Amino acid sequence: MGNNTTVGNKELDYIGVRIESIGGLPTNTMVAYRVKNLGFATNLEADLNEVRVSDDTERQDGNIRTTMKFSAGAGYSFGSEVVYYKPA
């Protein structure tokens, strides 16, 4: 607790650099990166992807059902610019 904690409307920062808290990381883990270095990555051209569209005219409800299966995640351009810290 100190100058680097959020108090009221003050944002969390370190030496003027804004810090975001990500709930999905394990405890005692820190990741430092530039936002420009990260991106949304998919494998849309892989053979295991699947898109299905079914027109349920037999049910007479007028609905069209879709199923999409593919992988997605965060990708990075320069791995040397991403710092992952987990204490021993």
PDB file of N, CA and C in Angstrom:
ATOM      1  N   MET A   1       0.843  -1.180   0.000  1.00  0.00           N
ATOM      2  CA  MET A   1       0.000   0.000   0.000  1.00  0.00           C
ATOM      3  C   MET A   1       0.881   1.234   0.000  1.00  0.00           C
ATOM      4  N   GLY A   2       0.604   2.140  -0.853  1.00  0.00           N
ATOM      5  CA  GLY A   2       1.403   3.354  -0.923  1.00  0.00           C
ATOM      6  C   GLY A   2       1.004   4.163  -2.130  1.00  0.00           C
ATOM      7  N   ASN A   3       1.963   4.827  -2.761  1.00  0.00           N
ATOM      8  CA  ASN A   3       1.672   5.664  -3.916  1.00  0.00           C
ATOM      9  C   ASN A   3       1.232   4.869  -5.137  1.00  0.00           C
ATOM     10  N   ASN A   4       1.547   3.580  -5.187  1.00  0.00           N
ATOM     11  CA  ASN A   4       1.225   2.788  -6.369  1.00  0.00           C
ATOM     12  C   ASN A   4      -0.106   2.061  -6.259  1.00  0.00           C
ATOM     13  N   THR A   5      -0.919   2.370  -5.292  1.00  0.00           N
ATOM     14  CA  THR A   5      -2.226   1.732  -5.180  1.00  0.00           C
ATOM     15  C   THR A   5      -3.300   2.702  -5.631  1.00  0.00           C
ATOM     16  N   THR A   6      -4.421   2.156  -6.074  1.00  0.00           N
ATOM     17  CA  THR A   6      -5.525   2.984  -6.522  1.00  0.00           C
ATOM     18  C   THR A   6      -6.228   3.576  -5.312  1.00  0.00           C
ATOM     19  N   VAL A   7      -6.334   4.886  -5.287  1.00  0.00           N
ATOM     20  CA  VAL A   7      -7.014   5.582  -4.202  1.00  0.00           C
ATOM     21  C   VAL A   7      -8.018   6.532  -4.842  1.00  0.00           C
ATOM     22  N   GLY A   8      -9.315   6.272  -4.644  1.00  0.00           N
ATOM     23  CA  GLY A   8     -10.328   7.126  -5.241  1.00  0.00           C
ATOM     24  C   GLY A   8     -10.288   7.037  -6.752  1.00  0.00           C
ATOM     25  N   ASN A   9     -10.144   8.172  -7.423  1.00  0.00           N
ATOM     26  CA  ASN A   9     -10.121   8.213  -8.885  1.00  0.00           C
ATOM     27  C   ASN A   9      -8.721   8.096  -9.460  1.00  0.00           C
ATOM     28  N   LYS A  10      -7.695   7.948  -8.608  1.00  0.00           N
ATOM     29  CA  LYS A  10      -6.317   7.847  -9.098  1.00  0.00           C
ATOM     30  C   LYS A  10      -6.082   6.451  -9.662  1.00  0.00           C
ATOM     31  N   GLU A  11      -5.481   6.387 -10.863  1.00  0.00           N
ATOM     32  CA  GLU A  11      -5.216   5.084 -11.468  1.00  0.00           C
ATOM     33  C   GLU A  11      -3.918   4.491 -10.935  1.00  0.00           C
ATOM     34  N   LEU A  12      -3.798   3.183 -11.051  1.00  0.00           N
ATOM     35  CA  LEU A  12      -2.605   2.459 -10.624  1.00  0.00           C
ATOM     36  C   LEU A  12      -1.487   2.727 -11.630  1.00  0.00           C
ATOM     37  N   ASP A  13      -0.330   3.250 -11.158  1.00  0.00           N
ATOM     38  CA  ASP A  13       0.776   3.511 -12.071  1.00  0.00           C
ATOM     39  C   ASP A  13       2.116   3.274 -11.393  1.00  0.00           C
ATOM     40  N   TYR A  14       3.147   3.157 -12.232  1.00  0.00           N
ATOM     41  CA  TYR A  14       4.519   2.989 -11.768  1.00  0.00           C
ATOM     42  C   TYR A  14       5.387   3.917 -12.599  1.00  0.00           C
ATOM     43  N   ILE A  15       5.950   4.922 -11.995  1.00  0.00           N
ATOM     44  CA  ILE A  15       6.799   5.921 -12.653  1.00  0.00           C
ATOM     45  C   ILE A  15       6.080   6.518 -13.873  1.00  0.00           C
ATOM     46  N   GLY A  16       4.814   6.808 -13.718  1.00  0.00           N
ATOM     47  CA  GLY A  16       4.047   7.429 -14.786  1.00  0.00           C
ATOM     48  C   GLY A  16       3.513   6.482 -15.843  1.00  0.00           C
ATOM     49  N   VAL A  17       3.786   5.171 -15.739  1.00  0.00           N
ATOM     50  CA  VAL A  17       3.276   4.181 -16.691  1.00  0.00           C
ATOM     51  C   VAL A  17       2.074   3.508 -16.065  1.00  0.00           C
ATOM     52  N   ARG A  18       0.941   3.548 -16.767  1.00  0.00           N
ATOM     53  CA  ARG A  18      -0.284   2.961 -16.233  1.00  0.00           C
ATOM     54  C   ARG A  18      -0.159   1.443 -16.118  1.00  0.00           C
ATOM     55  N   ILE A  19      -0.675   0.890 -15.039  1.00  0.00           N
ATOM     56  CA  ILE A  19      -0.641  -0.547 -14.789  1.00  0.00           C
ATOM     57  C   ILE A  19      -2.073  -1.057 -14.759  1.00  0.00           C
ATOM     58  N   GLU A  20      -2.334  -2.163 -15.456  1.00  0.00           N
ATOM     59  CA  GLU A  20      -3.647  -2.791 -15.474  1.00  0.00           C
ATOM     60  C   GLU A  20      -3.585  -4.090 -14.692  1.00  0.00           C
ATOM     61  N   SER A  21      -4.639  -4.387 -13.984  1.00  0.00           N
ATOM     62  CA  SER A  21      -4.748  -5.649 -13.264  1.00  0.00           C
ATOM     63  C   SER A  21      -5.551  -6.625 -14.112  1.00  0.00           C
ATOM     64  N   ILE A  22      -4.991  -7.821 -14.361  1.00  0.00           N
ATOM     65  CA  ILE A  22      -5.652  -8.844 -15.166  1.00  0.00           C
ATOM     66  C   ILE A  22      -6.024  -9.990 -14.246  1.00  0.00           C
ATOM     67  N   GLY A  23      -7.304 -10.273 -14.145  1.00  0.00           N
ATOM     68  CA  GLY A  23      -7.789 -11.290 -13.223  1.00  0.00           C
ATOM     69  C   GLY A  23      -7.447 -12.715 -13.611  1.00  0.00           C
ATOM     70  N   GLY A  24      -7.078 -12.984 -14.860  1.00  0.00           N
ATOM     71  CA  GLY A  24      -6.827 -14.341 -15.306  1.00  0.00           C
ATOM     72  C   GLY A  24      -5.439 -14.869 -15.004  1.00  0.00           C
ATOM     73  N   LEU A  25      -4.540 -14.021 -14.523  1.00  0.00           N
ATOM     74  CA  LEU A  25      -3.182 -14.481 -14.220  1.00  0.00           C
ATOM     75  C   LEU A  25      -3.135 -15.188 -12.869  1.00  0.00           C
ATOM     76  N   PRO A  26      -2.235 -16.173 -12.721  1.00  0.00           N
ATOM     77  CA  PRO A  26      -2.061 -16.794 -11.413  1.00  0.00           C
ATOM     78  C   PRO A  26      -1.513 -15.782 -10.399  1.00  0.00           C
ATOM     79  N   THR A  27      -1.659 -16.073  -9.125  1.00  0.00           N
ATOM     80  CA  THR A  27      -1.156 -15.173  -8.093  1.00  0.00           C
ATOM     81  C   THR A  27       0.361 -15.064  -8.177  1.00  0.00           C
ATOM     82  N   ASN A  28       0.903 -13.939  -7.718  1.00  0.00           N
ATOM     83  CA  ASN A  28       2.340 -13.649  -7.723  1.00  0.00           C
ATOM     84  C   ASN A  28       2.953 -13.714  -9.111  1.00  0.00           C
ATOM     85  N   THR A  29       2.205 -13.296 -10.139  1.00  0.00           N
ATOM     86  CA  THR A  29       2.688 -13.316 -11.510  1.00  0.00           C
ATOM     87  C   THR A  29       2.545 -11.925 -12.107  1.00  0.00           C
ATOM     88  N   MET A  30       3.579 -11.487 -12.832  1.00  0.00           N
ATOM     89  CA  MET A  30       3.539 -10.190 -13.509  1.00  0.00           C
ATOM     90  C   MET A  30       3.950 -10.373 -14.965  1.00  0.00           C
ATOM     91  N   VAL A  31       3.307  -9.622 -15.855  1.00  0.00           N
ATOM     92  CA  VAL A  31       3.657  -9.612 -17.269  1.00  0.00           C
ATOM     93  C   VAL A  31       3.776  -8.159 -17.691  1.00  0.00           C
ATOM     94  N   ALA A  32       4.884  -7.815 -18.335  1.00  0.00           N
ATOM     95  CA  ALA A  32       5.086  -6.457 -18.848  1.00  0.00           C
ATOM     96  C   ALA A  32       5.228  -6.541 -20.366  1.00  0.00           C
ATOM     97  N   TYR A  33       4.490  -5.681 -21.072  1.00  0.00           N
ATOM     98  CA  TYR A  33       4.517  -5.684 -22.528  1.00  0.00           C
ATOM     99  C   TYR A  33       4.035  -4.344 -23.054  1.00  0.00           C
ATOM    100  N   ARG A  34       4.339  -4.078 -24.312  1.00  0.00           N
ATOM    101  CA  ARG A  34       3.788  -2.906 -24.995  1.00  0.00           C
ATOM    102  C   ARG A  34       2.528  -3.346 -25.721  1.00  0.00           C
ATOM    103  N   VAL A  35       1.497  -2.540 -25.651  1.00  0.00           N
ATOM    104  CA  VAL A  35       0.226  -2.891 -26.268  1.00  0.00           C
ATOM    105  C   VAL A  35       0.381  -3.103 -27.773  1.00  0.00           C
ATOM    106  N   LYS A  36       1.231  -2.332 -28.425  1.00  0.00           N
ATOM    107  CA  LYS A  36       1.440  -2.470 -29.866  1.00  0.00           C
ATOM    108  C   LYS A  36       2.042  -3.818 -30.240  1.00  0.00           C
ATOM    109  N   ASN A  37       2.666  -4.503 -29.295  1.00  0.00           N
ATOM    110  CA  ASN A  37       3.336  -5.772 -29.555  1.00  0.00           C
ATOM    111  C   ASN A  37       2.362  -6.950 -29.544  1.00  0.00           C
ATOM    112  N   LEU A  38       1.192  -6.798 -28.947  1.00  0.00           N
ATOM    113  CA  LEU A  38       0.236  -7.897 -28.836  1.00  0.00           C
ATOM    114  C   LEU A  38      -0.846  -7.779 -29.894  1.00  0.00           C
ATOM    115  N   GLY A  39      -1.460  -8.917 -30.210  1.00  0.00           N
ATOM    116  CA  GLY A  39      -2.542  -8.929 -31.181  1.00  0.00           C
ATOM    117  C   GLY A  39      -3.417 -10.150 -30.999  1.00  0.00           C
ATOM    118  N   PHE A  40      -4.535 -10.165 -31.681  1.00  0.00           N
ATOM    119  CA  PHE A  40      -5.473 -11.278 -31.651  1.00  0.00           C
ATOM    120  C   PHE A  40      -5.055 -12.285 -32.721  1.00  0.00           C
ATOM    121  N   ALA A  41      -4.787 -13.518 -32.327  1.00  0.00           N
ATOM    122  CA  ALA A  41      -4.300 -14.536 -33.259  1.00  0.00           C
ATOM    123  C   ALA A  41      -5.318 -15.672 -33.377  1.00  0.00           C
ATOM    124  N   THR A  42      -5.511 -16.159 -34.608  1.00  0.00           N
ATOM    125  CA  THR A  42      -6.404 -17.296 -34.852  1.00  0.00           C
ATOM    126  C   THR A  42      -5.722 -18.263 -35.812  1.00  0.00           C
ATOM    127  N   ASN A  43      -6.301 -19.435 -35.934  1.00  0.00           N
ATOM    128  CA  ASN A  43      -5.814 -20.413 -36.907  1.00  0.00           C
ATOM    129  C   ASN A  43      -6.931 -20.682 -37.921  1.00  0.00           C
ATOM    130  N   LEU A  44      -7.462 -19.632 -38.495  1.00  0.00           N
ATOM    131  CA  LEU A  44      -8.630 -19.755 -39.367  1.00  0.00           C
ATOM    132  C   LEU A  44      -8.360 -20.555 -40.633  1.00  0.00           C
ATOM    133  N   GLU A  45      -7.114 -20.696 -41.045  1.00  0.00           N
ATOM    134  CA  GLU A  45      -6.818 -21.434 -42.267  1.00  0.00           C
ATOM    135  C   GLU A  45      -6.437 -22.889 -42.006  1.00  0.00           C
ATOM    136  N   ALA A  46      -6.554 -23.356 -40.774  1.00  0.00           N
ATOM    137  CA  ALA A  46      -6.205 -24.736 -40.456  1.00  0.00           C
ATOM    138  C   ALA A  46      -7.292 -25.692 -40.950  1.00  0.00           C
ATOM    139  N   ASP A  47      -6.924 -26.940 -41.181  1.00  0.00           N
ATOM    140  CA  ASP A  47      -7.869 -27.940 -41.680  1.00  0.00           C
ATOM    141  C   ASP A  47      -8.855 -28.409 -40.613  1.00  0.00           C
ATOM    142  N   LEU A  48      -8.567 -28.167 -39.344  1.00  0.00           N
ATOM    143  CA  LEU A  48      -9.444 -28.641 -38.270  1.00  0.00           C
ATOM    144  C   LEU A  48     -10.584 -27.672 -37.965  1.00  0.00           C
ATOM    145  N   ASN A  49     -10.619 -26.511 -38.603  1.00  0.00           N
ATOM    146  CA  ASN A  49     -11.685 -25.544 -38.373  1.00  0.00           C
ATOM    147  C   ASN A  49     -12.965 -26.008 -39.046  1.00  0.00           C
ATOM    148  N   GLU A  50     -14.082 -25.552 -38.486  1.00  0.00           N
ATOM    149  CA  GLU A  50     -15.358 -26.003 -39.005  1.00  0.00           C
ATOM    150  C   GLU A  50     -16.404 -24.911 -38.831  1.00  0.00           C
ATOM    151  N   VAL A  51     -17.193 -24.693 -39.867  1.00  0.00           N
ATOM    152  CA  VAL A  51     -18.337 -23.788 -39.796  1.00  0.00           C
ATOM    153  C   VAL A  51     -19.532 -24.548 -40.361  1.00  0.00           C
ATOM    154  N   ARG A  52     -20.583 -24.664 -39.548  1.00  0.00           N
ATOM    155  CA  ARG A  52     -21.796 -25.351 -39.989  1.00  0.00           C
ATOM    156  C   ARG A  52     -22.977 -24.410 -39.890  1.00  0.00           C
ATOM    157  N   VAL A  53     -23.816 -24.423 -40.900  1.00  0.00           N
ATOM    158  CA  VAL A  53     -25.056 -23.648 -40.893  1.00  0.00           C
ATOM    159  C   VAL A  53     -26.176 -24.631 -41.176  1.00  0.00           C
ATOM    160  N   SER A  54     -27.186 -24.672 -40.294  1.00  0.00           N
ATOM    161  CA  SER A  54     -28.315 -25.570 -40.511  1.00  0.00           C
ATOM    162  C   SER A  54     -29.608 -24.761 -40.501  1.00  0.00           C
ATOM    163  N   ASP A  55     -30.398 -24.963 -41.544  1.00  0.00           N
ATOM    164  CA  ASP A  55     -31.686 -24.304 -41.667  1.00  0.00           C
ATOM    165  C   ASP A  55     -32.738 -25.279 -41.152  1.00  0.00           C
ATOM    166  N   ASP A  56     -33.348 -24.957 -40.041  1.00  0.00           N
ATOM    167  CA  ASP A  56     -34.309 -25.863 -39.407  1.00  0.00           C
ATOM    168  C   ASP A  56     -35.726 -25.599 -39.920  1.00  0.00           C
ATOM    169  N   THR A  57     -35.929 -25.819 -41.223  1.00  0.00           N
ATOM    170  CA  THR A  57     -37.263 -25.606 -41.784  1.00  0.00           C
ATOM    171  C   THR A  57     -38.222 -26.709 -41.370  1.00  0.00           C
ATOM    172  N   GLU A  58     -37.669 -27.864 -40.976  1.00  0.00           N
ATOM    173  CA  GLU A  58     -38.539 -28.962 -40.541  1.00  0.00           C
ATOM    174  C   GLU A  58     -39.280 -28.621 -39.252  1.00  0.00           C
ATOM    175  N   ARG A  59     -38.674 -27.825 -38.407  1.00  0.00           N
ATOM    176  CA  ARG A  59     -39.294 -27.443 -37.135  1.00  0.00           C
ATOM    177  C   ARG A  59     -40.294 -26.303 -37.299  1.00  0.00           C
ATOM    178  N   GLN A  60     -40.253 -25.642 -38.417  1.00  0.00           N
ATOM    179  CA  GLN A  60     -41.152 -24.529 -38.701  1.00  0.00           C
ATOM    180  C   GLN A  60     -40.996 -23.358 -37.734  1.00  0.00           C
ATOM    181  N   ASP A  61     -39.824 -23.223 -37.083  1.00  0.00           N
ATOM    182  CA  ASP A  61     -39.623 -22.086 -36.174  1.00  0.00           C
ATOM    183  C   ASP A  61     -38.861 -20.944 -36.849  1.00  0.00           C
ATOM    184  N   GLY A  62     -38.367 -21.154 -38.069  1.00  0.00           N
ATOM    185  CA  GLY A  62     -37.704 -20.097 -38.819  1.00  0.00           C
ATOM    186  C   GLY A  62     -36.294 -19.788 -38.363  1.00  0.00           C
ATOM    187  N   ASN A  63     -35.724 -20.577 -37.490  1.00  0.00           N
ATOM    188  CA  ASN A  63     -34.384 -20.321 -36.975  1.00  0.00           C
ATOM    189  C   ASN A  63     -33.314 -20.948 -37.861  1.00  0.00           C
ATOM    190  N   ILE A  64     -32.183 -20.267 -37.931  1.00  0.00           N
ATOM    191  CA  ILE A  64     -30.999 -20.808 -38.581  1.00  0.00           C
ATOM    192  C   ILE A  64     -29.940 -20.968 -37.504  1.00  0.00           C
ATOM    193  N   ARG A  65     -29.405 -22.157 -37.372  1.00  0.00           N
ATOM    194  CA  ARG A  65     -28.427 -22.431 -36.331  1.00  0.00           C
ATOM    195  C   ARG A  65     -27.036 -22.529 -36.943  1.00  0.00           C
ATOM    196  N   THR A  66     -26.058 -21.966 -36.238  1.00  0.00           N
ATOM    197  CA  THR A  66     -24.676 -22.001 -36.721  1.00  0.00           C
ATOM    198  C   THR A  66     -23.768 -22.586 -35.652  1.00  0.00           C
ATOM    199  N   THR A  67     -22.722 -23.253 -36.096  1.00  0.00           N
ATOM    200  CA  THR A  67     -21.682 -23.780 -35.215  1.00  0.00           C
ATOM    201  C   THR A  67     -20.339 -23.409 -35.822  1.00  0.00           C
ATOM    202  N   MET A  68     -19.462 -22.799 -35.008  1.00  0.00           N
ATOM    203  CA  MET A  68     -18.125 -22.434 -35.480  1.00  0.00           C
ATOM    204  C   MET A  68     -17.098 -22.994 -34.503  1.00  0.00           C
ATOM    205  N   LYS A  69     -16.094 -23.664 -35.039  1.00  0.00           N
ATOM    206  CA  LYS A  69     -15.019 -24.214 -34.209  1.00  0.00           C
ATOM    207  C   LYS A  69     -13.677 -23.755 -34.762  1.00  0.00           C
ATOM    208  N   PHE A  70     -12.921 -23.009 -33.954  1.00  0.00           N
ATOM    209  CA  PHE A  70     -11.579 -22.593 -34.327  1.00  0.00           C
ATOM    210  C   PHE A  70     -10.838 -22.189 -33.061  1.00  0.00           C
ATOM    211  N   SER A  71      -9.551 -22.036 -33.161  1.00  0.00           N
ATOM    212  CA  SER A  71      -8.732 -21.640 -32.018  1.00  0.00           C
ATOM    213  C   SER A  71      -8.395 -20.158 -32.111  1.00  0.00           C
ATOM    214  N   ALA A  72      -8.298 -19.515 -30.952  1.00  0.00           N
ATOM    215  CA  ALA A  72      -7.946 -18.102 -30.905  1.00  0.00           C
ATOM    216  C   ALA A  72      -7.170 -17.831 -29.627  1.00  0.00           C
ATOM    217  N   GLY A  73      -6.390 -16.768 -29.644  1.00  0.00           N
ATOM    218  CA  GLY A  73      -5.612 -16.405 -28.465  1.00  0.00           C
ATOM    219  C   GLY A  73      -4.854 -15.118 -28.702  1.00  0.00           C
ATOM    220  N   ALA A  74      -4.001 -14.791 -27.776  1.00  0.00           N
ATOM    221  CA  ALA A  74      -3.176 -13.583 -27.908  1.00  0.00           C
ATOM    222  C   ALA A  74      -1.855 -13.952 -28.560  1.00  0.00           C
ATOM    223  N   GLY A  75      -1.460 -13.173 -29.535  1.00  0.00           N
ATOM    224  CA  GLY A  75      -0.183 -13.380 -30.202  1.00  0.00           C
ATOM    225  C   GLY A  75       0.709 -12.170 -29.981  1.00  0.00           C
ATOM    226  N   TYR A  76       1.997 -12.331 -30.252  1.00  0.00           N
ATOM    227  CA  TYR A  76       2.929 -11.224 -30.083  1.00  0.00           C
ATOM    228  C   TYR A  76       3.875 -11.177 -31.267  1.00  0.00           C
ATOM    229  N   SER A  77       4.419  -9.986 -31.507  1.00  0.00           N
ATOM    230  CA  SER A  77       5.336  -9.797 -32.631  1.00  0.00           C
ATOM    231  C   SER A  77       6.784 -10.025 -32.226  1.00  0.00           C
ATOM    232  N   PHE A  78       7.195  -9.458 -31.093  1.00  0.00           N
ATOM    233  CA  PHE A  78       8.583  -9.549 -30.633  1.00  0.00           C
ATOM    234  C   PHE A  78       8.610 -10.145 -29.221  1.00  0.00           C
ATOM    235  N   GLY A  79       8.980 -11.412 -29.125  1.00  0.00           N
ATOM    236  CA  GLY A  79       8.991 -12.098 -27.839  1.00  0.00           C
ATOM    237  C   GLY A  79       9.978 -11.515 -26.843  1.00  0.00           C
ATOM    238  N   SER A  80      11.047 -10.919 -27.335  1.00  0.00           N
ATOM    239  CA  SER A  80      12.049 -10.357 -26.429  1.00  0.00           C
ATOM    240  C   SER A  80      11.534  -9.116 -25.699  1.00  0.00           C
ATOM    241  N   GLU A  81      10.413  -8.538 -26.166  1.00  0.00           N
ATOM    242  CA  GLU A  81       9.847  -7.358 -25.524  1.00  0.00           C
ATOM    243  C   GLU A  81       8.761  -7.696 -24.512  1.00  0.00           C
ATOM    244  N   VAL A  82       8.475  -8.975 -24.308  1.00  0.00           N
ATOM    245  CA  VAL A  82       7.490  -9.404 -23.315  1.00  0.00           C
ATOM    246  C   VAL A  82       8.244  -9.969 -22.119  1.00  0.00           C
ATOM    247  N   VAL A  83       7.946  -9.446 -20.936  1.00  0.00           N
ATOM    248  CA  VAL A  83       8.603  -9.889 -19.708  1.00  0.00           C
ATOM    249  C   VAL A  83       7.581 -10.615 -18.854  1.00  0.00           C
ATOM    250  N   TYR A  84       7.867 -11.866 -18.517  1.00  0.00           N
ATOM    251  CA  TYR A  84       6.995 -12.675 -17.671  1.00  0.00           C
ATOM    252  C   TYR A  84       7.740 -12.967 -16.391  1.00  0.00           C
ATOM    253  N   TYR A  85       7.171 -12.569 -15.263  1.00  0.00           N
ATOM    254  CA  TYR A  85       7.856 -12.717 -13.963  1.00  0.00           C
ATOM    255  C   TYR A  85       7.001 -13.569 -13.043  1.00  0.00           C
ATOM    256  N   LYS A  86       7.561 -14.654 -12.543  1.00  0.00           N
ATOM    257  CA  LYS A  86       6.929 -15.514 -11.538  1.00  0.00           C
ATOM    258  C   LYS A  86       8.003 -15.845 -10.527  1.00  0.00           C
ATOM    259  N   PRO A  87       7.861 -15.351  -9.296  1.00  0.00           N
ATOM    260  CA  PRO A  87       8.904 -15.631  -8.293  1.00  0.00           C
ATOM    261  C   PRO A  87       8.970 -17.124  -7.959  1.00  0.00           C
ATOM    262  N   ALA A  88      10.162 -17.569  -7.580  1.00  0.00           N
ATOM    263  CA  ALA A  88      10.387 -18.984  -7.266  1.00  0.00           C
ATOM    264  C   ALA A  88       9.732 -19.372  -5.967  1.00  0.00           C
TER     265      ALA A  88
END
